[in-house]
PDB file of N, CA and C in Angstrom:
ATOM      1  N   MET A   1       0.847  -1.184   0.003  1.00  0.00           N
ATOM      2  CA  MET A   1       0.000  -0.004   0.002  1.00  0.00           C
ATOM      3  C   MET A   1       0.903   1.242  -0.004  1.00  0.00           C
ATOM      4  N   ASN A   2       0.608   2.157  -0.927  1.00  0.00           N
ATOM      5  CA  ASN A   2       1.427   3.364  -0.973  1.00  0.00           C
ATOM      6  C   ASN A   2       1.159   4.241   0.257  1.00  0.00           C
ATOM      7  N   PRO A   3       2.085   5.132   0.595  1.00  0.00           N
ATOM      8  CA  PRO A   3       1.942   5.921   1.844  1.00  0.00           C
ATOM      9  C   PRO A   3       0.666   6.774   1.877  1.00  0.00           C
ATOM     10  N   TYR A   4       0.274   7.348   0.735  1.00  0.00           N
ATOM     11  CA  TYR A   4      -0.942   8.172   0.719  1.00  0.00           C
ATOM     12  C   TYR A   4      -2.170   7.333   1.049  1.00  0.00           C
ATOM     13  N   ARG A   5      -2.234   6.191   0.406  1.00  0.00           N
ATOM     14  CA  ARG A   5      -3.376   5.295   0.645  1.00  0.00           C
ATOM     15  C   ARG A   5      -3.370   4.800   2.095  1.00  0.00           C
ATOM     16  N   PHE A   6      -2.191   4.518   2.627  1.00  0.00           N
ATOM     17  CA  PHE A   6      -2.077   4.059   4.016  1.00  0.00           C
ATOM     18  C   PHE A   6      -2.643   5.118   4.974  1.00  0.00           C
ATOM     19  N   TYR A   7      -2.204   6.372   4.822  1.00  0.00           N
ATOM     20  CA  TYR A   7      -2.657   7.417   5.742  1.00  0.00           C
ATOM     21  C   TYR A   7      -4.134   7.758   5.531  1.00  0.00           C
ATOM     22  N   LEU A   8      -4.596   7.747   4.297  1.00  0.00           N
ATOM     23  CA  LEU A   8      -6.013   7.971   4.044  1.00  0.00           C
ATOM     24  C   LEU A   8      -6.857   6.846   4.638  1.00  0.00           C
ATOM     25  N   ASN A   9      -6.326   5.644   4.563  1.00  0.00           N
ATOM     26  CA  ASN A   9      -7.001   4.470   5.139  1.00  0.00           C
ATOM     27  C   ASN A   9      -7.146   4.627   6.651  1.00  0.00           C
ATOM     28  N   ILE A  10      -6.051   4.987   7.311  1.00  0.00           N
ATOM     29  CA  ILE A  10      -6.071   5.158   8.767  1.00  0.00           C
ATOM     30  C   ILE A  10      -6.995   6.303   9.174  1.00  0.00           C
ATOM     31  N   LEU A  11      -6.928   7.402   8.443  1.00  0.00           N
ATOM     32  CA  LEU A  11      -7.765   8.563   8.757  1.00  0.00           C
ATOM     33  C   LEU A  11      -9.256   8.232   8.621  1.00  0.00           C
ATOM     34  N   LEU A  12      -9.623   7.527   7.540  1.00  0.00           N
ATOM     35  CA  LEU A  12     -11.014   7.127   7.365  1.00  0.00           C
ATOM     36  C   LEU A  12     -11.426   6.124   8.442  1.00  0.00           C
ATOM     37  N   ALA A  13     -10.523   5.225   8.802  1.00  0.00           N
ATOM     38  CA  ALA A  13     -10.808   4.252   9.859  1.00  0.00           C
ATOM     39  C   ALA A  13     -11.118   4.963  11.174  1.00  0.00           C
ATOM     40  N   LEU A  14     -10.295   5.936  11.526  1.00  0.00           N
ATOM     41  CA  LEU A  14     -10.517   6.674  12.772  1.00  0.00           C
ATOM     42  C   LEU A  14     -11.831   7.456  12.727  1.00  0.00           C
ATOM     43  N   PHE A  15     -12.144   8.027  11.578  1.00  0.00           N
ATOM     44  CA  PHE A  15     -13.409   8.730  11.393  1.00  0.00           C
ATOM     45  C   PHE A  15     -14.592   7.789  11.610  1.00  0.00           C
ATOM     46  N   LEU A  16     -14.535   6.611  11.001  1.00  0.00           N
ATOM     47  CA  LEU A  16     -15.626   5.640  11.130  1.00  0.00           C
ATOM     48  C   LEU A  16     -15.749   5.112  12.556  1.00  0.00           C
ATOM     49  N   ILE A  17     -14.630   4.828  13.196  1.00  0.00           N
ATOM     50  CA  ILE A  17     -14.671   4.349  14.579  1.00  0.00           C
ATOM     51  C   ILE A  17     -15.278   5.412  15.470  1.00  0.00           C
ATOM     52  N   PHE A  18     -14.856   6.661  15.305  1.00  0.00           N
ATOM     53  CA  PHE A  18     -15.419   7.760  16.096  1.00  0.00           C
ATOM     54  C   PHE A  18     -16.922   7.906  15.838  1.00  0.00           C
ATOM     55  N   ALA A  19     -17.317   7.912  14.572  1.00  0.00           N
ATOM     56  CA  ALA A  19     -18.737   8.044  14.221  1.00  0.00           C
ATOM     57  C   ALA A  19     -19.548   6.889  14.794  1.00  0.00           C
ATOM     58  N   GLY A  20     -19.007   5.683  14.701  1.00  0.00           N
ATOM     59  CA  GLY A  20     -19.696   4.524  15.241  1.00  0.00           C
ATOM     60  C   GLY A  20     -19.916   4.629  16.739  1.00  0.00           C
ATOM     61  N   ILE A  21     -18.897   5.061  17.455  1.00  0.00           N
ATOM     62  CA  ILE A  21     -19.010   5.233  18.910  1.00  0.00           C
ATOM     63  C   ILE A  21     -20.032   6.311  19.243  1.00  0.00           C
ATOM     64  N   MET A  22     -20.042   7.378  18.455  1.00  0.00           N
ATOM     65  CA  MET A  22     -20.976   8.479  18.724  1.00  0.00           C
ATOM     66  C   MET A  22     -22.433   8.048  18.590  1.00  0.00           C
ATOM     67  N   HIS A  23     -22.697   7.040  17.756  1.00  0.00           N
ATOM     68  CA  HIS A  23     -24.057   6.512  17.638  1.00  0.00           C
ATOM     69  C   HIS A  23     -24.542   5.942  18.970  1.00  0.00           C
ATOM     70  N   PHE A  24     -23.620   5.454  19.768  1.00  0.00           N
ATOM     71  CA  PHE A  24     -23.985   4.885  21.074  1.00  0.00           C
ATOM     72  C   PHE A  24     -23.976   5.943  22.178  1.00  0.00           C
ATOM     73  N   ILE A  25     -23.112   6.935  22.049  1.00  0.00           N
ATOM     74  CA  ILE A  25     -23.006   7.975  23.072  1.00  0.00           C
ATOM     75  C   ILE A  25     -24.108   9.028  22.914  1.00  0.00           C
ATOM     76  N   LYS A  26     -24.392   9.430  21.689  1.00  0.00           N
ATOM     77  CA  LYS A  26     -25.380  10.489  21.418  1.00  0.00           C
ATOM     78  C   LYS A  26     -26.400  10.007  20.382  1.00  0.00           C
ATOM     79  N   PRO A  27     -27.182   8.987  20.698  1.00  0.00           N
ATOM     80  CA  PRO A  27     -28.106   8.445  19.690  1.00  0.00           C
ATOM     81  C   PRO A  27     -29.177   9.450  19.245  1.00  0.00           C
ATOM     82  N   ARG A  28     -29.551  10.369  20.101  1.00  0.00           N
ATOM     83  CA  ARG A  28     -30.597  11.333  19.731  1.00  0.00           C
ATOM     84  C   ARG A  28     -30.190  12.186  18.539  1.00  0.00           C
ATOM     85  N   PHE A  29     -28.913  12.510  18.439  1.00  0.00           N
ATOM     86  CA  PHE A  29     -28.444  13.328  17.325  1.00  0.00           C
ATOM     87  C   PHE A  29     -28.789  12.670  15.988  1.00  0.00           C
ATOM     88  N   TYR A  30     -28.644  11.352  15.907  1.00  0.00           N
ATOM     89  CA  TYR A  30     -28.836  10.627  14.668  1.00  0.00           C
ATOM     90  C   TYR A  30     -30.302  10.328  14.379  1.00  0.00           C
ATOM     91  N   ASN A  31     -31.171  10.425  15.387  1.00  0.00           N
ATOM     92  CA  ASN A  31     -32.589  10.120  15.197  1.00  0.00           C
ATOM     93  C   ASN A  31     -33.220  10.958  14.090  1.00  0.00           C
ATOM     94  N   ARG A  32     -32.793  12.197  13.933  1.00  0.00           N
ATOM     95  CA  ARG A  32     -33.401  13.071  12.936  1.00  0.00           C
ATOM     96  C   ARG A  32     -33.108  12.611  11.515  1.00  0.00           C
ATOM     97  N   PHE A  33     -32.062  11.813  11.331  1.00  0.00           N
ATOM     98  CA  PHE A  33     -31.728  11.307  10.001  1.00  0.00           C
ATOM     99  C   PHE A  33     -32.499  10.033   9.649  1.00  0.00           C
ATOM    100  N   ILE A  34     -33.003   9.343  10.647  1.00  0.00           N
ATOM    101  CA  ILE A  34     -33.657   8.043  10.443  1.00  0.00           C
ATOM    102  C   ILE A  34     -35.123   8.264  10.093  1.00  0.00           C
ATOM    103  N   PRO A  35     -35.584   7.690   8.970  1.00  0.00           N
ATOM    104  CA  PRO A  35     -36.995   7.856   8.585  1.00  0.00           C
ATOM    105  C   PRO A  35     -37.937   7.411   9.709  1.00  0.00           C
ATOM    106  N   GLU A  36     -39.071   8.078   9.775  1.00  0.00           N
ATOM    107  CA  GLU A  36     -40.048   7.853  10.861  1.00  0.00           C
ATOM    108  C   GLU A  36     -40.558   6.407  10.939  1.00  0.00           C
ATOM    109  N   PHE A  37     -40.643   5.719   9.809  1.00  0.00           N
ATOM    110  CA  PHE A  37     -41.221   4.377   9.822  1.00  0.00           C
ATOM    111  C   PHE A  37     -40.264   3.296  10.327  1.00  0.00           C
ATOM    112  N   LEU A  38     -39.009   3.675  10.607  1.00  0.00           N
ATOM    113  CA  LEU A  38     -38.029   2.711  11.103  1.00  0.00           C
ATOM    114  C   LEU A  38     -37.836   2.847  12.611  1.00  0.00           C
ATOM    115  N   PRO A  39     -37.515   1.743  13.295  1.00  0.00           N
ATOM    116  CA  PRO A  39     -37.241   1.816  14.738  1.00  0.00           C
ATOM    117  C   PRO A  39     -35.918   2.561  14.976  1.00  0.00           C
ATOM    118  N   LYS A  40     -36.008   3.764  15.482  1.00  0.00           N
ATOM    119  CA  LYS A  40     -34.860   4.670  15.560  1.00  0.00           C
ATOM    120  C   LYS A  40     -33.687   4.100  16.349  1.00  0.00           C
ATOM    121  N   LEU A  41     -33.934   3.601  17.536  1.00  0.00           N
ATOM    122  CA  LEU A  41     -32.841   3.134  18.368  1.00  0.00           C
ATOM    123  C   LEU A  41     -32.140   1.918  17.750  1.00  0.00           C
ATOM    124  N   ALA A  42     -32.913   0.979  17.232  1.00  0.00           N
ATOM    125  CA  ALA A  42     -32.325  -0.215  16.619  1.00  0.00           C
ATOM    126  C   ALA A  42     -31.499   0.153  15.381  1.00  0.00           C
ATOM    127  N   VAL A  43     -32.040   1.008  14.524  1.00  0.00           N
ATOM    128  CA  VAL A  43     -31.321   1.420  13.316  1.00  0.00           C
ATOM    129  C   VAL A  43     -30.061   2.182  13.707  1.00  0.00           C
ATOM    130  N   ASN A  44     -30.190   3.083  14.660  1.00  0.00           N
ATOM    131  CA  ASN A  44     -29.055   3.881  15.109  1.00  0.00           C
ATOM    132  C   ASN A  44     -27.920   2.999  15.625  1.00  0.00           C
ATOM    133  N   TYR A  45     -28.239   2.062  16.501  1.00  0.00           N
ATOM    134  CA  TYR A  45     -27.214   1.178  17.041  1.00  0.00           C
ATOM    135  C   TYR A  45     -26.618   0.272  15.976  1.00  0.00           C
ATOM    136  N   PHE A  46     -27.464  -0.207  15.056  1.00  0.00           N
ATOM    137  CA  PHE A  46     -26.976  -1.068  13.972  1.00  0.00           C
ATOM    138  C   PHE A  46     -25.986  -0.308  13.094  1.00  0.00           C
ATOM    139  N   VAL A  47     -26.349   0.904  12.684  1.00  0.00           N
ATOM    140  CA  VAL A  47     -25.464   1.703  11.836  1.00  0.00           C
ATOM    141  C   VAL A  47     -24.178   2.046  12.597  1.00  0.00           C
ATOM    142  N   GLY A  48     -24.298   2.370  13.879  1.00  0.00           N
ATOM    143  CA  GLY A  48     -23.119   2.653  14.694  1.00  0.00           C
ATOM    144  C   GLY A  48     -22.189   1.454  14.757  1.00  0.00           C
ATOM    145  N   LEU A  49     -22.737   0.282  14.929  1.00  0.00           N
ATOM    146  CA  LEU A  49     -21.933  -0.942  14.972  1.00  0.00           C
ATOM    147  C   LEU A  49     -21.272  -1.200  13.619  1.00  0.00           C
ATOM    148  N   VAL A  50     -22.026  -1.009  12.526  1.00  0.00           N
ATOM    149  CA  VAL A  50     -21.458  -1.206  11.188  1.00  0.00           C
ATOM    150  C   VAL A  50     -20.313  -0.233  10.948  1.00  0.00           C
ATOM    151  N   GLU A  51     -20.510   1.051  11.285  1.00  0.00           N
ATOM    152  CA  GLU A  51     -19.443   2.040  11.100  1.00  0.00           C
ATOM    153  C   GLU A  51     -18.212   1.668  11.924  1.00  0.00           C
ATOM    154  N   PHE A  52     -18.421   1.292  13.169  1.00  0.00           N
ATOM    155  CA  PHE A  52     -17.308   0.916  14.038  1.00  0.00           C
ATOM    156  C   PHE A  52     -16.543  -0.279  13.467  1.00  0.00           C
ATOM    157  N   LEU A  53     -17.273  -1.314  13.055  1.00  0.00           N
ATOM    158  CA  LEU A  53     -16.624  -2.521  12.528  1.00  0.00           C
ATOM    159  C   LEU A  53     -15.899  -2.241  11.208  1.00  0.00           C
ATOM    160  N   LEU A  54     -16.478  -1.411  10.362  1.00  0.00           N
ATOM    161  CA  LEU A  54     -15.792  -1.046   9.129  1.00  0.00           C
ATOM    162  C   LEU A  54     -14.499  -0.289   9.434  1.00  0.00           C
ATOM    163  N   GLY A  55     -14.551   0.602  10.406  1.00  0.00           N
ATOM    164  CA  GLY A  55     -13.348   1.331  10.800  1.00  0.00           C
ATOM    165  C   GLY A  55     -12.270   0.403  11.300  1.00  0.00           C
ATOM    166  N   VAL A  56     -12.642  -0.538  12.144  1.00  0.00           N
ATOM    167  CA  VAL A  56     -11.673  -1.517  12.648  1.00  0.00           C
ATOM    168  C   VAL A  56     -11.148  -2.363  11.492  1.00  0.00           C
ATOM    169  N   GLY A  57     -12.035  -2.739  10.570  1.00  0.00           N
ATOM    170  CA  GLY A  57     -11.615  -3.527   9.409  1.00  0.00           C
ATOM    171  C   GLY A  57     -10.621  -2.797   8.530  1.00  0.00           C
ATOM    172  N   LEU A  58     -10.741  -1.472   8.453  1.00  0.00           N
ATOM    173  CA  LEU A  58      -9.796  -0.694   7.647  1.00  0.00           C
ATOM    174  C   LEU A  58      -8.394  -0.687   8.265  1.00  0.00           C
ATOM    175  N   ILE A  59      -8.309  -0.933   9.548  1.00  0.00           N
ATOM    176  CA  ILE A  59      -7.010  -0.965  10.232  1.00  0.00           C
ATOM    177  C   ILE A  59      -6.390  -2.358  10.168  1.00  0.00           C
ATOM    178  N   TYR A  60      -7.216  -3.382  10.239  1.00  0.00           N
ATOM    179  CA  TYR A  60      -6.742  -4.765  10.293  1.00  0.00           C
ATOM    180  C   TYR A  60      -6.519  -5.290   8.870  1.00  0.00           C
ATOM    181  N   ALA A  61      -5.261  -5.502   8.514  1.00  0.00           N
ATOM    182  CA  ALA A  61      -4.844  -5.797   7.128  1.00  0.00           C
ATOM    183  C   ALA A  61      -5.686  -6.851   6.391  1.00  0.00           C
ATOM    184  N   PRO A  62      -6.000  -7.995   6.995  1.00  0.00           N
ATOM    185  CA  PRO A  62      -6.752  -8.999   6.224  1.00  0.00           C
ATOM    186  C   PRO A  62      -8.152  -8.529   5.785  1.00  0.00           C
ATOM    187  N   PHE A  63      -8.684  -7.500   6.446  1.00  0.00           N
ATOM    188  CA  PHE A  63     -10.047  -7.041   6.132  1.00  0.00           C
ATOM    189  C   PHE A  63     -10.091  -5.687   5.446  1.00  0.00           C
ATOM    190  N   GLN A  64      -8.934  -5.099   5.133  1.00  0.00           N
ATOM    191  CA  GLN A  64      -8.910  -3.736   4.613  1.00  0.00           C
ATOM    192  C   GLN A  64      -9.677  -3.586   3.297  1.00  0.00           C
ATOM    193  N   GLU A  65      -9.465  -4.468   2.372  1.00  0.00           N
ATOM    194  CA  GLU A  65     -10.158  -4.349   1.077  1.00  0.00           C
ATOM    195  C   GLU A  65     -11.665  -4.514   1.250  1.00  0.00           C
ATOM    196  N   LEU A  66     -12.067  -5.519   2.001  1.00  0.00           N
ATOM    197  CA  LEU A  66     -13.496  -5.745   2.237  1.00  0.00           C
ATOM    198  C   LEU A  66     -14.109  -4.573   2.993  1.00  0.00           C
ATOM    199  N   ALA A  67     -13.430  -4.062   4.013  1.00  0.00           N
ATOM    200  CA  ALA A  67     -13.933  -2.930   4.781  1.00  0.00           C
ATOM    201  C   ALA A  67     -13.996  -1.674   3.914  1.00  0.00           C
ATOM    202  N   GLY A  68     -13.041  -1.516   3.017  1.00  0.00           N
ATOM    203  CA  GLY A  68     -13.077  -0.370   2.104  1.00  0.00           C
ATOM    204  C   GLY A  68     -14.293  -0.435   1.189  1.00  0.00           C
ATOM    205  N   LYS A  69     -14.576  -1.597   0.657  1.00  0.00           N
ATOM    206  CA  LYS A  69     -15.743  -1.768  -0.206  1.00  0.00           C
ATOM    207  C   LYS A  69     -17.041  -1.604   0.599  1.00  0.00           C
ATOM    208  N   GLY A  70     -17.050  -2.110   1.815  1.00  0.00           N
ATOM    209  CA  GLY A  70     -18.217  -1.924   2.675  1.00  0.00           C
ATOM    210  C   GLY A  70     -18.449  -0.465   3.015  1.00  0.00           C
ATOM    211  N   THR A  71     -17.364   0.263   3.253  1.00  0.00           N
ATOM    212  CA  THR A  71     -17.470   1.694   3.531  1.00  0.00           C
ATOM    213  C   THR A  71     -17.987   2.437   2.318  1.00  0.00           C
ATOM    214  N   PHE A  72     -17.501   2.069   1.138  1.00  0.00           N
ATOM    215  CA  PHE A  72     -17.999   2.666  -0.102  1.00  0.00           C
ATOM    216  C   PHE A  72     -19.514   2.466  -0.214  1.00  0.00           C
ATOM    217  N   LEU A  73     -19.969   1.243   0.003  1.00  0.00           N
ATOM    218  CA  LEU A  73     -21.409   0.957  -0.091  1.00  0.00           C
ATOM    219  C   LEU A  73     -22.204   1.709   0.975  1.00  0.00           C
ATOM    220  N   LEU A  74     -21.663   1.806   2.175  1.00  0.00           N
ATOM    221  CA  LEU A  74     -22.343   2.535   3.247  1.00  0.00           C
ATOM    222  C   LEU A  74     -22.478   4.015   2.881  1.00  0.00           C
ATOM    223  N   MET A  75     -21.422   4.608   2.331  1.00  0.00           N
ATOM    224  CA  MET A  75     -21.477   6.018   1.961  1.00  0.00           C
ATOM    225  C   MET A  75     -22.472   6.253   0.817  1.00  0.00           C
ATOM    226  N   ILE A  76     -22.562   5.300  -0.119  1.00  0.00           N
ATOM    227  CA  ILE A  76     -23.574   5.372  -1.185  1.00  0.00           C
ATOM    228  C   ILE A  76     -24.974   5.284  -0.563  1.00  0.00           C
ATOM    229  N   PHE A  77     -25.130   4.390   0.409  1.00  0.00           N
ATOM    230  CA  PHE A  77     -26.412   4.215   1.091  1.00  0.00           C
ATOM    231  C   PHE A  77     -26.831   5.507   1.806  1.00  0.00           C
ATOM    232  N   PHE A  78     -25.871   6.219   2.387  1.00  0.00           N
ATOM    233  CA  PHE A  78     -26.162   7.460   3.124  1.00  0.00           C
ATOM    234  C   PHE A  78     -26.499   8.625   2.206  1.00  0.00           C
ATOM    235  N   LEU A  79     -26.068   8.591   0.953  1.00  0.00           N
ATOM    236  CA  LEU A  79     -26.251   9.736   0.061  1.00  0.00           C
ATOM    237  C   LEU A  79     -27.722  10.158  -0.066  1.00  0.00           C
ATOM    238  N   PRO A  80     -28.665   9.261  -0.354  1.00  0.00           N
ATOM    239  CA  PRO A  80     -30.069   9.715  -0.471  1.00  0.00           C
ATOM    240  C   PRO A  80     -30.605  10.307   0.836  1.00  0.00           C
ATOM    241  N   ILE A  81     -30.112   9.833   1.958  1.00  0.00           N
ATOM    242  CA  ILE A  81     -30.553  10.379   3.253  1.00  0.00           C
ATOM    243  C   ILE A  81     -30.151  11.843   3.349  1.00  0.00           C
ATOM    244  N   HIS A  82     -28.940  12.170   2.903  1.00  0.00           N
ATOM    245  CA  HIS A  82     -28.481  13.547   2.954  1.00  0.00           C
ATOM    246  C   HIS A  82     -29.166  14.415   1.894  1.00  0.00           C
ATOM    247  N   VAL A  83     -29.490  13.832   0.755  1.00  0.00           N
ATOM    248  CA  VAL A  83     -30.232  14.580  -0.269  1.00  0.00           C
ATOM    249  C   VAL A  83     -31.628  14.909   0.253  1.00  0.00           C
ATOM    250  N   LEU A  84     -32.296  13.922   0.828  1.00  0.00           N
ATOM    251  CA  LEU A  84     -33.631  14.154   1.392  1.00  0.00           C
ATOM    252  C   LEU A  84     -33.577  15.167   2.535  1.00  0.00           C
ATOM    253  N   ASP A  85     -32.522  15.121   3.316  1.00  0.00           N
ATOM    254  CA  ASP A  85     -32.386  16.057   4.416  1.00  0.00           C
ATOM    255  C   ASP A  85     -32.309  17.496   3.906  1.00  0.00           C
ATOM    256  N   PHE A  86     -31.631  17.681   2.802  1.00  0.00           N
ATOM    257  CA  PHE A  86     -31.535  19.033   2.217  1.00  0.00           C
ATOM    258  C   PHE A  86     -32.910  19.584   1.880  1.00  0.00           C
ATOM    259  N   TRP A  87     -33.809  18.737   1.421  1.00  0.00           N
ATOM    260  CA  TRP A  87     -35.132  19.201   0.989  1.00  0.00           C
ATOM    261  C   TRP A  87     -36.106  19.410   2.137  1.00  0.00           C
ATOM    262  N   LYS A  88     -35.742  19.011   3.339  1.00  0.00           N
ATOM    263  CA  LYS A  88     -36.612  19.227   4.501  1.00  0.00           C
ATOM    264  C   LYS A  88     -36.656  20.707   4.853  1.00  0.00           C
ATOM    265  N   GLU A  89     -37.791  21.126   5.410  1.00  0.00           N
ATOM    266  CA  GLU A  89     -37.919  22.512   5.857  1.00  0.00           C
ATOM    267  C   GLU A  89     -36.879  22.828   6.921  1.00  0.00           C
ATOM    268  N   GLN A  90     -36.703  21.889   7.861  1.00  0.00           N
ATOM    269  CA  GLN A  90     -35.678  22.027   8.904  1.00  0.00           C
ATOM    270  C   GLN A  90     -34.756  20.816   8.818  1.00  0.00           C
ATOM    271  N   PRO A  91     -33.626  20.935   8.113  1.00  0.00           N
ATOM    272  CA  PRO A  91     -32.729  19.789   7.950  1.00  0.00           C
ATOM    273  C   PRO A  91     -32.206  19.261   9.287  1.00  0.00           C
ATOM    274  N   ALA A  92     -31.991  17.966   9.338  1.00  0.00           N
ATOM    275  CA  ALA A  92     -31.477  17.320  10.549  1.00  0.00           C
ATOM    276  C   ALA A  92     -30.073  17.808  10.875  1.00  0.00           C
ATOM    277  N   ILE A  93     -29.334  18.176   9.863  1.00  0.00           N
ATOM    278  CA  ILE A  93     -27.942  18.598  10.060  1.00  0.00           C
ATOM    279  C   ILE A  93     -27.885  19.997  10.661  1.00  0.00           C
ATOM    280  N   GLY A  94     -28.988  20.714  10.699  1.00  0.00           N
ATOM    281  CA  GLY A  94     -29.019  22.026  11.349  1.00  0.00           C
ATOM    282  C   GLY A  94     -29.645  23.107  10.498  1.00  0.00           C
ATOM    283  N   SER A  95     -28.987  23.443   9.401  1.00  0.00           N
ATOM    284  CA  SER A  95     -29.487  24.520   8.529  1.00  0.00           C
ATOM    285  C   SER A  95     -29.386  24.084   7.078  1.00  0.00           C
ATOM    286  N   LYS A  96     -30.028  24.841   6.210  1.00  0.00           N
ATOM    287  CA  LYS A  96     -29.946  24.560   4.773  1.00  0.00           C
ATOM    288  C   LYS A  96     -28.493  24.676   4.286  1.00  0.00           C
ATOM    289  N   LYS A  97     -27.766  25.656   4.813  1.00  0.00           N
ATOM    290  CA  LYS A  97     -26.367  25.826   4.394  1.00  0.00           C
ATOM    291  C   LYS A  97     -25.537  24.606   4.768  1.00  0.00           C
ATOM    292  N   LEU A  98     -25.729  24.089   5.982  1.00  0.00           N
ATOM    293  CA  LEU A  98     -24.988  22.887   6.385  1.00  0.00           C
ATOM    294  C   LEU A  98     -25.443  21.664   5.575  1.00  0.00           C
ATOM    295  N   ALA A  99     -26.735  21.607   5.264  1.00  0.00           N
ATOM    296  CA  ALA A  99     -27.251  20.475   4.493  1.00  0.00           C
ATOM    297  C   ALA A  99     -26.672  20.472   3.078  1.00  0.00           C
ATOM    298  N   ILE A 100     -26.542  21.643   2.471  1.00  0.00           N
ATOM    299  CA  ILE A 100     -25.968  21.697   1.114  1.00  0.00           C
ATOM    300  C   ILE A 100     -24.466  21.425   1.167  1.00  0.00           C
ATOM    301  N   LEU A 101     -23.795  21.860   2.211  1.00  0.00           N
ATOM    302  CA  LEU A 101     -22.372  21.596   2.381  1.00  0.00           C
ATOM    303  C   LEU A 101     -22.126  20.103   2.599  1.00  0.00           C
ATOM    304  N   ARG A 102     -23.066  19.430   3.229  1.00  0.00           N
ATOM    305  CA  ARG A 102     -22.916  18.005   3.538  1.00  0.00           C
ATOM    306  C   ARG A 102     -22.898  17.157   2.273  1.00  0.00           C
ATOM    307  N   LEU A 103     -23.569  17.608   1.217  1.00  0.00           N
ATOM    308  CA  LEU A 103     -23.636  16.806  -0.014  1.00  0.00           C
ATOM    309  C   LEU A 103     -22.269  16.618  -0.676  1.00  0.00           C
ATOM    310  N   PRO A 104     -21.487  17.691  -0.924  1.00  0.00           N
ATOM    311  CA  PRO A 104     -20.163  17.439  -1.503  1.00  0.00           C
ATOM    312  C   PRO A 104     -19.251  16.646  -0.562  1.00  0.00           C
ATOM    313  N   ILE A 105     -19.452  16.823   0.734  1.00  0.00           N
ATOM    314  CA  ILE A 105     -18.671  16.025   1.696  1.00  0.00           C
ATOM    315  C   ILE A 105     -18.995  14.548   1.542  1.00  0.00           C
ATOM    316  N   GLN A 106     -20.282  14.247   1.309  1.00  0.00           N
ATOM    317  CA  GLN A 106     -20.679  12.850   1.127  1.00  0.00           C
ATOM    318  C   GLN A 106     -20.039  12.280  -0.143  1.00  0.00           C
ATOM    319  N   PHE A 107     -20.009  13.073  -1.200  1.00  0.00           N
ATOM    320  CA  PHE A 107     -19.343  12.607  -2.430  1.00  0.00           C
ATOM    321  C   PHE A 107     -17.852  12.408  -2.204  1.00  0.00           C
ATOM    322  N   LEU A 108     -17.255  13.265  -1.415  1.00  0.00           N
ATOM    323  CA  LEU A 108     -15.846  13.103  -1.066  1.00  0.00           C
ATOM    324  C   LEU A 108     -15.617  11.795  -0.308  1.00  0.00           C
ATOM    325  N   LEU A 109     -16.495  11.499   0.643  1.00  0.00           N
ATOM    326  CA  LEU A 109     -16.380  10.242   1.397  1.00  0.00           C
ATOM    327  C   LEU A 109     -16.565   9.023   0.488  1.00  0.00           C
ATOM    328  N   ILE A 110     -17.461   9.134  -0.477  1.00  0.00           N
ATOM    329  CA  ILE A 110     -17.674   8.049  -1.443  1.00  0.00           C
ATOM    330  C   ILE A 110     -16.394   7.821  -2.252  1.00  0.00           C
ATOM    331  N   ALA A 111     -15.824   8.910  -2.772  1.00  0.00           N
ATOM    332  CA  ALA A 111     -14.596   8.806  -3.562  1.00  0.00           C
ATOM    333  C   ALA A 111     -13.440   8.293  -2.714  1.00  0.00           C
ATOM    334  N   TRP A 112     -13.375   8.757  -1.488  1.00  0.00           N
ATOM    335  CA  TRP A 112     -12.323   8.332  -0.562  1.00  0.00           C
ATOM    336  C   TRP A 112     -12.387   6.833  -0.330  1.00  0.00           C
ATOM    337  N   ALA A 113     -13.585   6.342  -0.032  1.00  0.00           N
ATOM    338  CA  ALA A 113     -13.752   4.902   0.195  1.00  0.00           C
ATOM    339  C   ALA A 113     -13.433   4.106  -1.060  1.00  0.00           C
ATOM    340  N   TRP A 114     -13.821   4.627  -2.226  1.00  0.00           N
ATOM    341  CA  TRP A 114     -13.503   3.958  -3.481  1.00  0.00           C
ATOM    342  C   TRP A 114     -12.001   3.874  -3.677  1.00  0.00           C
ATOM    343  N   TYR A 115     -11.308   4.969  -3.426  1.00  0.00           N
ATOM    344  CA  TYR A 115      -9.862   5.034  -3.605  1.00  0.00           C
ATOM    345  C   TYR A 115      -9.118   4.030  -2.725  1.00  0.00           C
ATOM    346  N   ILE A 116      -9.488   3.964  -1.471  1.00  0.00           N
ATOM    347  CA  ILE A 116      -8.753   3.069  -0.571  1.00  0.00           C
ATOM    348  C   ILE A 116      -9.124   1.596  -0.767  1.00  0.00           C
ATOM    349  N   SER A 117     -10.248   1.337  -1.448  1.00  0.00           N
ATOM    350  CA  SER A 117     -10.657  -0.066  -1.611  1.00  0.00           C
ATOM    351  C   SER A 117     -10.178  -0.648  -2.937  1.00  0.00           C
ATOM    352  N   HIS A 118      -9.495   0.143  -3.751  1.00  0.00           N
ATOM    353  CA  HIS A 118      -9.019  -0.363  -5.047  1.00  0.00           C
ATOM    354  C   HIS A 118      -7.542  -0.204  -5.215  1.00  0.00           C
TER     355      HIS A 118
END
């Protein structure tokens, strides 16, 4: 693995581990992103666990490629949630400006996960 990919891999892993832990520490924050018809606590904890495990997988060499592809798929899965959030009268992320800023960040995360998984 080249040095750039190595450091990007570690940085994304730390981001995912942190985000996964935050799902357990501050679950209410994430409730606004979860559609009303889904069980909020169960979905929140499940996504937090998935993020945490993907982050750990990005650090552990035998699982890096698989975790990278899983992270790519997770970021693709999150994209419509952030698009829908932008169209809400009161976005979950806080304001319309933050919601629009979140979209290019999501594309960056998608590209990042793609890069480290290939």
